[in-house]
């Protein structure tokens, strides 16, 4: 069964498995102790730290291991903010950051701090100049991911780091998605990552704080990991995480060009990006076409319930994920897709792990069209959208229609809109009443895909009224 969700958690790398089993025998003792078993464990920990630091591009004494990538992000943010409290209490981050950054920002704001959010363009890319413009004398920390978790768009970290340094503001980089593919360039100040994203075991994160960066660890501290990650760490998992990261770097070697496996996966992803819109009608491929991770592609399908689509793909043997509001228990659209202003319904994220077979990608492309078609048929989506009404019929209908989609969830409001748009004349309007949060995002996206005009949102007694003016 092809596993296409490496962005959530990559399969355990063979080197990680070997290192994990070996270190269970050699690395079980407390590395803080001076007896033989402790010294042996300490040697393993030091070697793991050196290997990880080399892969990250920092000094070994700048890097500590944490219980998770999320913990690394939180420790980095709160430690940097606390150390720069006299400068200011404003946190600057992009609108497409991982939820771990957004959750930390909420806590910071609740404690009396301030937060500035920087927008992204339709590809999910943040302009380094926009991030720099948001800085100021009271900015304590800026956060910018190296690459987006949902759509794979790479961010201009090197340029942003230079601008942050010029402004005297440290930059924290969430490198969880990109570290498997190479070190993060630029003069960043703090960096966080998670081992299970690159084929290490879960339960290991890392936090790098470069020398010269003011940092004050928060919470109860002890003598371990320079006081930045208290507690007895999972040494066998740490050793395995570092071993797998070192193996990935060895594969890249001294090549100037993209290493072989990354180049191979990039070609497979390019194939998916190109062929899905040809094979499946009414699809929007999202994310930057060039500045992107080599293994990840995301697309959204009109008139499709995301949860049903993922279940059907799972039944067909494909493990994929989604940022669609239709797969969320909260029915709240993905904050990344919302910030980009793209379609959220029927969203599918395909992220290929190392070693993905070309035949599996081809079979996915064979299965996908029929799967989407069957899901659409369940919702009664017409084979083609209704043709324009005759002139007399349009006059009888009037120049405007109201569609009551209250109580109906994604993708029904957009489906109902598509069914009636042909019943109004060019210049006429369709008003969709909906209390589904996804409609605020998906109706404008539908208009952009269909060449119709989104006339805006109006207040309604319940939910909102979304006005669409027919242009074609």
Protein backbone atom coordinates (compact mmCIF):
# COMPACT_ATOMS: atom_id res chain seq x y z
CA UNK A 1 0.00 0.00 0.00
CA UNK A 2 1.71 3.23 -1.14
CA UNK A 3 2.28 5.67 1.70
CA UNK A 4 2.11 9.23 0.34
CA UNK A 5 2.12 11.25 3.57
CA UNK A 6 5.81 11.76 4.35
CA UNK A 7 5.13 15.41 5.24
CA UNK A 8 3.21 14.19 8.28
CA UNK A 9 5.71 11.51 9.24
CA UNK A 10 8.28 9.80 7.06
CA UNK A 11 8.80 6.03 7.29
CA UNK A 12 11.68 5.05 9.55
CA UNK A 13 14.94 5.22 7.60
CA UNK A 14 16.81 1.86 7.50
CA UNK A 15 19.87 3.50 9.05
CA UNK A 16 17.69 4.88 11.85
CA UNK A 17 16.32 1.41 12.54
CA UNK A 18 19.81 -0.09 12.75
CA UNK A 19 21.08 2.71 15.00
CA UNK A 20 18.02 2.48 17.24
CA UNK A 21 18.43 -1.25 17.82
CA UNK A 22 22.16 -0.93 18.45
CA UNK A 23 21.83 2.00 20.85
CA UNK A 24 19.18 0.19 22.89
CA UNK A 25 22.03 -2.05 24.02
CA UNK A 26 24.68 0.66 24.36
CA UNK A 27 22.79 3.86 25.15
CA UNK A 28 20.42 3.02 27.96
CA UNK A 29 22.50 4.55 30.80
CA UNK A 30 22.43 8.13 32.06
CA UNK A 31 24.96 10.15 30.03
CA UNK A 32 25.42 12.52 32.98
CA UNK A 33 27.04 9.79 35.07
CA UNK A 34 30.79 9.15 35.31
CA UNK A 35 30.85 5.35 35.42
CA UNK A 36 31.56 3.21 32.35
CA UNK A 37 27.98 2.83 31.10
CA UNK A 38 27.34 6.55 31.56
CA UNK A 39 30.53 7.47 29.69
CA UNK A 40 29.53 5.18 26.83
CA UNK A 41 26.11 6.82 26.66
CA UNK A 42 27.75 10.24 26.74
CA UNK A 43 29.94 9.35 23.77
CA UNK A 44 26.83 8.35 21.82
CA UNK A 45 25.05 11.58 22.72
CA UNK A 46 28.04 13.73 21.78
CA UNK A 47 28.43 11.93 18.45
CA UNK A 48 24.73 12.39 17.71
CA UNK A 49 24.95 16.09 18.53
CA UNK A 50 27.95 16.57 16.26
CA UNK A 51 26.26 14.76 13.38
CA UNK A 52 23.05 16.76 13.76
CA UNK A 53 24.93 20.06 14.09
CA UNK A 54 26.90 19.34 10.92
CA UNK A 55 23.66 18.66 9.03
CA UNK A 56 22.02 21.81 10.40
CA UNK A 57 25.06 24.01 9.81
CA UNK A 58 25.76 25.11 13.37
CA UNK A 59 28.19 24.34 16.17
CA UNK A 60 27.52 21.28 18.35
CA UNK A 61 27.30 23.45 21.48
CA UNK A 62 24.56 25.51 19.79
CA UNK A 63 22.23 22.51 19.38
CA UNK A 64 20.08 20.67 21.90
CA UNK A 65 17.65 17.78 21.51
CA UNK A 66 14.03 18.18 22.60
CA UNK A 67 11.10 15.74 23.01
CA UNK A 68 9.49 16.93 19.75
CA UNK A 69 9.64 19.50 16.99
CA UNK A 70 6.70 21.34 18.52
CA UNK A 71 8.55 21.56 21.82
CA UNK A 72 11.58 22.92 19.97
CA UNK A 73 9.46 25.64 18.35
CA UNK A 74 7.81 26.60 21.63
CA UNK A 75 11.11 26.62 23.55
CA UNK A 76 12.76 28.70 20.85
CA UNK A 77 9.97 31.27 20.67
CA UNK A 78 9.48 31.76 24.40
CA UNK A 79 13.20 31.67 25.17
CA UNK A 80 13.96 34.34 22.58
CA UNK A 81 11.00 36.51 23.59
CA UNK A 82 11.94 36.35 27.27
CA UNK A 83 15.53 37.32 26.57
CA UNK A 84 14.47 40.39 24.57
CA UNK A 85 11.66 41.57 26.82
CA UNK A 86 13.39 44.93 27.40
CA UNK A 87 13.52 45.53 23.65
CA UNK A 88 9.84 44.84 23.09
CA UNK A 89 7.14 42.22 23.27
CA UNK A 90 6.09 41.98 19.64
CA UNK A 91 6.25 38.69 17.76
CA UNK A 92 6.25 38.80 13.95
CA UNK A 93 5.34 35.69 11.98
CA UNK A 94 3.95 34.74 8.58
CA UNK A 95 0.32 33.78 8.07
CA UNK A 96 1.33 30.34 6.77
CA UNK A 97 3.44 29.16 9.70
CA UNK A 98 2.92 25.76 11.27
CA UNK A 99 0.23 25.61 13.96
CA UNK A 100 2.93 25.26 16.64
CA UNK A 101 4.00 28.84 15.90
CA UNK A 102 0.40 30.08 15.83
CA UNK A 103 -0.37 28.42 19.17
CA UNK A 104 2.70 29.99 20.74
CA UNK A 105 1.63 33.37 19.34
CA UNK A 106 -1.80 32.98 20.95
CA UNK A 107 -0.23 32.28 24.34
CA UNK A 108 2.13 35.21 23.95
CA UNK A 109 -0.74 37.54 23.07
CA UNK A 110 -2.86 36.29 25.97
CA UNK A 111 0.03 37.12 28.30
CA UNK A 112 0.08 40.74 27.14
CA UNK A 113 2.41 40.54 24.17
CA UNK A 114 1.58 41.71 20.67
CA UNK A 115 1.63 39.80 17.40
CA UNK A 116 2.04 40.96 13.81
CA UNK A 117 1.08 38.56 11.03
CA UNK A 118 2.62 38.91 7.57
CA UNK A 119 0.58 37.72 4.60
CA UNK A 120 1.57 35.39 1.76
CA UNK A 121 0.79 35.48 -1.95
CA UNK A 122 -1.43 33.02 -3.80
CA UNK A 123 1.46 30.53 -4.06
CA UNK A 124 1.99 30.58 -0.29
CA UNK A 125 5.26 32.51 -0.53
CA UNK A 126 6.07 35.35 1.84
CA UNK A 127 7.97 38.35 0.50
CA UNK A 128 11.10 38.95 2.56
CA UNK A 129 10.53 42.69 2.19
CA UNK A 130 7.07 42.39 3.73
CA UNK A 131 8.53 40.56 6.72
CA UNK A 132 11.20 43.23 7.11
CA UNK A 133 8.61 46.01 6.83
CA UNK A 134 6.72 44.47 9.75
CA UNK A 135 9.76 44.75 12.00
CA UNK A 136 10.30 47.78 14.20
CA UNK A 137 12.00 48.95 17.37
CA UNK A 138 9.64 46.90 19.53
CA UNK A 139 9.98 43.63 17.55
CA UNK A 140 11.49 40.94 19.76
CA UNK A 141 11.42 37.97 17.37
CA UNK A 142 10.47 37.04 13.80
CA UNK A 143 9.42 33.56 12.66
CA UNK A 144 9.55 32.23 9.10
CA UNK A 145 9.35 28.60 8.06
CA UNK A 146 11.86 27.30 5.54
CA UNK A 147 9.12 25.51 3.59
CA UNK A 148 5.40 25.19 4.06
CA UNK A 149 4.03 21.98 5.56
CA UNK A 150 0.82 21.91 3.52
CA UNK A 151 1.73 23.11 0.03
CA UNK A 152 5.52 22.74 -0.06
CA UNK A 153 6.32 26.35 -0.96
CA UNK A 154 9.87 27.32 0.00
CA UNK A 155 10.35 30.67 1.69
CA UNK A 156 13.12 33.25 1.06
CA UNK A 157 14.79 32.52 4.39
CA UNK A 158 18.27 33.65 3.41
CA UNK A 159 17.04 37.06 2.29
CA UNK A 160 14.74 37.39 5.29
CA UNK A 161 17.55 36.47 7.69
CA UNK A 162 19.78 39.15 6.23
CA UNK A 163 17.04 41.78 6.60
CA UNK A 164 16.29 40.66 10.16
CA UNK A 165 19.96 40.86 11.10
CA UNK A 166 20.14 44.36 9.63
CA UNK A 167 17.15 45.32 11.79
CA UNK A 168 18.67 43.67 14.87
CA UNK A 169 15.82 41.16 15.24
CA UNK A 170 16.52 37.42 15.62
CA UNK A 171 14.86 35.08 13.14
CA UNK A 172 13.54 31.65 14.16
CA UNK A 173 13.21 29.18 11.30
CA UNK A 174 10.91 26.15 11.45
CA UNK A 175 12.89 23.76 9.25
CA UNK A 176 10.87 20.63 9.97
CA UNK A 177 9.86 20.03 6.34
CA UNK A 178 13.08 21.04 4.61
CA UNK A 179 15.94 19.75 6.75
CA UNK A 180 15.82 16.32 5.10
CA UNK A 181 16.71 17.98 1.79
CA UNK A 182 19.57 20.18 2.93
CA UNK A 183 20.72 22.80 5.44
CA UNK A 184 18.85 26.09 5.73
CA UNK A 185 20.95 28.90 4.25
CA UNK A 186 21.41 32.35 5.73
CA UNK A 187 22.19 34.03 9.02
CA UNK A 188 19.18 32.74 10.94
CA UNK A 189 19.35 32.96 14.73
CA UNK A 190 17.28 29.97 15.87
CA UNK A 191 16.18 26.82 14.08
CA UNK A 192 13.77 24.04 15.03
CA UNK A 193 13.17 20.66 13.41
CA UNK A 194 11.55 17.29 14.02
CA UNK A 195 13.19 13.89 13.43
CA UNK A 196 10.11 12.01 12.28
CA UNK A 197 9.90 14.33 9.27
CA UNK A 198 13.22 13.06 7.88
CA UNK A 199 12.92 9.37 8.71
CA UNK A 200 14.05 9.41 12.32
CA UNK A 201 11.90 8.05 15.15
CA UNK A 202 9.12 10.19 16.63
CA UNK A 203 9.75 11.89 19.95
CA UNK A 204 12.94 13.74 18.95
CA UNK A 205 13.23 17.37 17.99
CA UNK A 206 16.16 19.71 17.82
CA UNK A 207 16.66 23.37 18.60
CA UNK A 208 19.69 25.35 17.46
CA UNK A 209 20.43 28.74 19.02
CA UNK A 210 23.40 30.41 17.38
CA UNK A 211 26.02 32.11 19.49
CA UNK A 212 25.29 35.78 20.02
CA UNK A 213 21.53 35.23 20.12
CA UNK A 214 20.04 36.33 23.41
CA UNK A 215 18.13 33.42 24.87
CA UNK A 216 16.54 32.76 28.26
CA UNK A 217 15.11 29.23 28.69
CA UNK A 218 11.65 29.19 30.22
CA UNK A 219 10.06 26.79 32.69
CA UNK A 220 11.67 24.52 35.27
CA UNK A 221 15.27 23.85 34.30
CA UNK A 222 17.96 21.32 35.13
CA UNK A 223 21.54 20.68 34.09
CA UNK A 224 20.72 18.67 30.95
CA UNK A 225 20.93 20.06 27.41
CA UNK A 226 22.31 23.39 28.63
CA UNK A 227 19.10 23.88 30.57
CA UNK A 228 17.10 24.24 27.35
CA UNK A 229 15.46 20.80 27.35
CA UNK A 230 15.20 19.41 30.89
CA UNK A 231 14.83 15.72 31.62
CA UNK A 232 16.45 12.45 30.67
CA UNK A 233 16.25 12.35 26.88
CA UNK A 234 15.47 9.29 24.81
CA UNK A 235 19.07 8.60 23.86
CA UNK A 236 18.47 5.60 21.54
CA UNK A 237 15.92 7.68 19.57
CA UNK A 238 18.31 10.66 19.48
CA UNK A 239 21.11 8.47 18.14
CA UNK A 240 18.78 7.02 15.50
CA UNK A 241 17.56 10.47 14.49
CA UNK A 242 21.08 11.79 14.04
CA UNK A 243 22.17 8.67 12.16
CA UNK A 244 19.34 8.96 9.64
CA UNK A 245 20.00 12.67 9.10
CA UNK A 246 23.70 11.95 8.57
CA UNK A 247 22.78 9.21 6.07
CA UNK A 248 20.66 11.64 4.08
CA UNK A 249 23.53 14.12 4.00
CA UNK A 250 25.96 11.41 2.89
CA UNK A 251 23.66 10.62 -0.01
CA UNK A 252 23.78 14.23 -1.11
CA UNK A 253 27.56 14.17 -0.65
CA UNK A 254 29.49 16.97 -2.27
CA UNK A 255 27.11 17.31 -5.21
CA UNK A 256 26.37 20.84 -6.21
CA UNK A 257 23.22 19.84 -7.97
CA UNK A 258 20.18 18.39 -6.26
CA UNK A 259 20.97 14.87 -4.99
CA UNK A 260 19.68 11.95 -6.98
CA UNK A 261 16.69 10.90 -4.87
CA UNK A 262 15.49 14.47 -4.45
CA UNK A 263 15.75 15.05 -8.20
CA UNK A 264 13.88 11.81 -8.88
CA UNK A 265 11.05 12.69 -6.50
CA UNK A 266 10.89 16.21 -7.94
CA UNK A 267 10.29 14.70 -11.38
CA UNK A 268 7.52 12.46 -10.02
CA UNK A 269 5.88 15.42 -8.28
CA UNK A 270 6.13 17.48 -11.47
CA UNK A 271 4.34 14.65 -13.24
CA UNK A 272 1.50 14.79 -10.71
CA UNK A 273 1.30 18.59 -10.91
CA UNK A 274 1.06 18.43 -14.70
CA UNK A 275 -1.25 15.45 -15.17
CA UNK A 276 -3.83 15.85 -12.40
CA UNK A 277 -5.46 18.92 -14.04
CA UNK A 278 -5.51 17.02 -17.34
CA UNK A 279 -7.08 13.92 -15.85
CA UNK A 280 -9.50 15.50 -13.39
CA UNK A 281 -11.68 18.46 -14.37
CA UNK A 282 -12.10 21.42 -12.00
CA UNK A 283 -8.85 21.02 -10.08
CA UNK A 284 -6.58 23.73 -8.71
CA UNK A 285 -2.94 22.79 -8.06
CA UNK A 286 -1.66 25.03 -5.27
CA UNK A 287 1.79 26.05 -4.07
CA UNK A 288 4.71 27.66 -5.88
CA UNK A 289 5.55 25.95 -9.21
CA UNK A 290 9.33 26.41 -8.77
CA UNK A 291 10.22 27.35 -5.20
CA UNK A 292 8.93 24.14 -3.64
CA UNK A 293 10.00 21.02 -1.81
CA UNK A 294 10.93 18.16 -4.15
CA UNK A 295 8.55 15.60 -2.70
CA UNK A 296 5.28 17.46 -2.04
CA UNK A 297 2.31 18.52 -4.16
CA UNK A 298 -1.13 19.75 -3.11
CA UNK A 299 -4.27 20.16 -5.19
CA UNK A 300 -7.94 20.92 -4.51
CA UNK A 301 -10.95 19.45 -6.32
CA UNK A 302 -14.15 21.40 -6.82
CA UNK A 303 -17.43 19.83 -5.69
CA UNK A 304 -15.71 17.20 -3.53
CA UNK A 305 -16.02 16.38 0.14
CA UNK A 306 -12.43 16.05 1.30
CA UNK A 307 -13.05 13.46 3.98
CA UNK A 308 -14.91 11.18 1.61
CA UNK A 309 -12.20 11.57 -1.02
CA UNK A 310 -9.46 10.62 1.43
CA UNK A 311 -11.43 7.60 2.61
CA UNK A 312 -11.95 6.44 -0.98
CA UNK A 313 -8.26 6.88 -1.81
CA UNK A 314 -7.42 4.91 1.32
CA UNK A 315 -9.73 2.11 0.17
CA UNK A 316 -7.91 2.19 -3.16
CA UNK A 317 -4.62 1.72 -1.32
CA UNK A 318 -3.22 5.26 -1.08
CA UNK A 319 -2.40 7.04 2.17
CA UNK A 320 -2.64 10.80 1.59
CA UNK A 321 -3.60 13.76 3.77
CA UNK A 322 -5.47 17.03 3.40
CA UNK A 323 -5.73 20.61 4.58
CA UNK A 324 -9.38 20.73 3.59
CA UNK A 325 -11.99 22.00 6.01
CA UNK A 326 -14.10 19.05 4.92
CA UNK A 327 -11.78 16.68 6.79
CA UNK A 328 -11.65 18.68 10.01
CA UNK A 329 -13.87 18.08 12.99
CA UNK A 330 -13.98 21.84 13.51
CA UNK A 331 -14.99 22.45 9.87
CA UNK A 332 -12.52 25.35 9.84
CA UNK A 333 -10.57 25.76 6.61
CA UNK A 334 -6.81 25.31 6.67
CA UNK A 335 -5.22 28.58 7.79
CA UNK A 336 -2.57 28.10 5.08
CA UNK A 337 -5.08 27.72 2.24
CA UNK A 338 -7.11 30.58 3.67
CA UNK A 339 -4.07 32.87 3.76
CA UNK A 340 -3.31 31.95 0.15
CA UNK A 341 -6.89 32.61 -0.95
CA UNK A 342 -7.16 29.32 -2.84
CA UNK A 343 -9.78 26.59 -2.98
CA UNK A 344 -9.92 24.46 0.16
CA UNK A 345 -12.58 21.88 -0.66
CA UNK A 346 -11.47 18.46 -1.82
CA UNK A 347 -7.89 19.22 -0.85
CA UNK A 348 -5.30 16.45 -1.25
CA UNK A 349 -1.66 16.63 -0.16
CA UNK A 350 0.68 14.05 -1.68
CA UNK A 351 4.14 13.86 -0.09
CA UNK A 352 6.39 11.10 -1.39
CA UNK A 353 8.84 9.36 0.95
CA UNK A 354 12.32 8.32 -0.11
CA UNK A 355 12.20 5.32 -2.41
CA UNK A 356 8.70 5.91 -3.81
CA UNK A 357 8.24 3.74 -6.88
CA UNK A 358 7.32 5.37 -10.18
CA UNK A 359 4.74 2.64 -10.73
CA UNK A 360 2.92 3.67 -7.54
CA UNK A 361 2.67 7.26 -8.77
CA UNK A 362 1.34 6.06 -12.12
CA UNK A 363 -1.27 3.90 -10.40
CA UNK A 364 -2.31 6.86 -8.26
CA UNK A 365 -2.88 8.89 -11.43
CA UNK A 366 -4.97 6.05 -12.83
CA UNK A 367 -7.12 5.72 -9.71
CA UNK A 368 -7.65 9.40 -8.90
CA UNK A 369 -10.01 10.43 -11.77
CA UNK A 370 -12.53 7.67 -11.12
CA UNK A 371 -12.38 8.26 -7.37
CA UNK A 372 -13.11 11.98 -7.73
CA UNK A 373 -15.88 11.29 -10.22
CA UNK A 374 -17.60 8.82 -7.89
CA UNK A 375 -17.47 11.28 -4.98
CA UNK A 376 -18.95 14.03 -7.13
CA UNK A 377 -21.74 11.74 -8.30
CA UNK A 378 -22.75 11.15 -4.68
CA UNK A 379 -23.32 14.89 -4.32
CA UNK A 380 -25.34 15.10 -7.51
CA UNK A 381 -22.82 17.27 -9.34
CA UNK A 382 -23.95 17.61 -12.98
CA UNK A 383 -21.63 16.39 -15.71
CA UNK A 384 -21.55 19.94 -17.00
CA UNK A 385 -22.75 23.13 -15.41
CA UNK A 386 -26.16 24.31 -16.66
CA UNK A 387 -26.21 26.16 -19.92
CA UNK A 388 -27.34 29.80 -19.90
CA UNK A 389 -31.06 30.33 -19.77
CA UNK A 390 -32.90 31.60 -22.82
CA UNK A 391 -33.49 35.33 -22.91
CA UNK A 392 -37.16 35.08 -22.09
CA UNK A 393 -36.59 32.53 -19.38
CA UNK A 394 -33.92 34.69 -17.79
CA UNK A 395 -36.30 37.62 -17.69
CA UNK A 396 -38.91 35.48 -16.02
CA UNK A 397 -36.41 34.31 -13.43
CA UNK A 398 -35.21 37.84 -12.84
CA UNK A 399 -31.67 39.14 -12.66
CA UNK A 400 -30.95 37.66 -9.27
CA UNK A 401 -31.37 34.39 -7.40
CA UNK A 402 -30.96 33.43 -3.76
CA UNK A 403 -29.62 30.00 -2.82
CA UNK A 404 -30.33 28.86 0.72
CA UNK A 405 -27.41 26.63 1.74
CA UNK A 406 -27.76 27.22 5.47
CA UNK A 407 -26.88 24.17 7.50
CA UNK A 408 -25.11 22.55 4.56
CA UNK A 409 -21.39 21.89 4.66
CA UNK A 410 -18.55 21.99 2.18
CA UNK A 411 -18.79 21.36 -0.75
CA UNK A 412 -22.60 21.71 -0.98
CA UNK A 413 -22.82 25.56 -1.03
CA UNK A 414 -20.50 25.74 -4.04
CA UNK A 415 -22.31 22.88 -5.77
CA UNK A 416 -25.65 24.67 -5.35
CA UNK A 417 -24.09 27.85 -6.74
CA UNK A 418 -22.76 26.00 -9.80
CA UNK A 419 -26.19 24.47 -10.48
CA UNK A 420 -28.00 27.81 -10.73
CA UNK A 421 -25.42 30.24 -12.16
CA UNK A 422 -26.69 29.53 -15.68
CA UNK A 423 -30.22 30.60 -14.70
CA UNK A 424 -29.32 34.27 -14.39
CA UNK A 425 -28.35 36.49 -17.32
CA UNK A 426 -24.89 37.95 -17.70
CA UNK A 427 -24.70 40.73 -15.16
CA UNK A 428 -27.22 39.03 -12.89
CA UNK A 429 -26.36 37.81 -9.41
CA UNK A 430 -26.64 34.70 -7.30
CA UNK A 431 -26.63 35.19 -3.53
CA UNK A 432 -25.59 32.14 -1.52
CA UNK A 433 -26.71 32.02 2.10
CA UNK A 434 -24.32 29.87 4.09
CA UNK A 435 -23.14 29.38 7.66
CA UNK A 436 -20.28 27.13 6.59
CA UNK A 437 -16.94 28.78 7.34
CA UNK A 438 -15.37 27.21 4.25
CA UNK A 439 -17.79 29.09 1.97
CA UNK A 440 -16.01 32.35 2.77
CA UNK A 441 -12.95 30.92 1.08
CA UNK A 442 -14.34 28.55 -1.51
CA UNK A 443 -16.94 30.76 -3.19
CA UNK A 444 -14.39 33.45 -4.18
CA UNK A 445 -12.02 30.67 -5.28
CA UNK A 446 -14.79 29.14 -7.42
CA UNK A 447 -15.40 32.54 -9.05
CA UNK A 448 -11.71 32.86 -9.91
CA UNK A 449 -11.70 29.38 -11.47
CA UNK A 450 -14.93 29.99 -13.37
CA UNK A 451 -14.34 33.54 -14.59
CA UNK A 452 -17.24 34.87 -12.54
CA UNK A 453 -17.16 37.98 -10.34
CA UNK A 454 -17.21 37.68 -6.59
CA UNK A 455 -19.18 40.77 -5.57
CA UNK A 456 -18.52 40.39 -1.85
CA UNK A 457 -20.06 39.28 1.41
CA UNK A 458 -23.10 40.80 3.03
CA UNK A 459 -24.47 40.47 6.54
CA UNK A 460 -27.26 37.97 7.03
CA UNK A 461 -29.54 37.02 9.89
CA UNK A 462 -27.68 33.73 10.08
CA UNK A 463 -24.29 33.04 8.58
CA UNK A 464 -23.39 35.26 5.66
CA UNK A 465 -24.67 36.14 2.18
CA UNK A 466 -22.10 35.69 -0.61
CA UNK A 467 -22.91 37.56 -3.80
CA UNK A 468 -21.69 36.30 -7.17
CA UNK A 469 -22.22 38.26 -10.41
CA UNK A 470 -22.29 36.26 -13.61
CA UNK A 471 -19.72 37.42 -16.18
CA UNK A 472 -19.60 34.52 -18.64
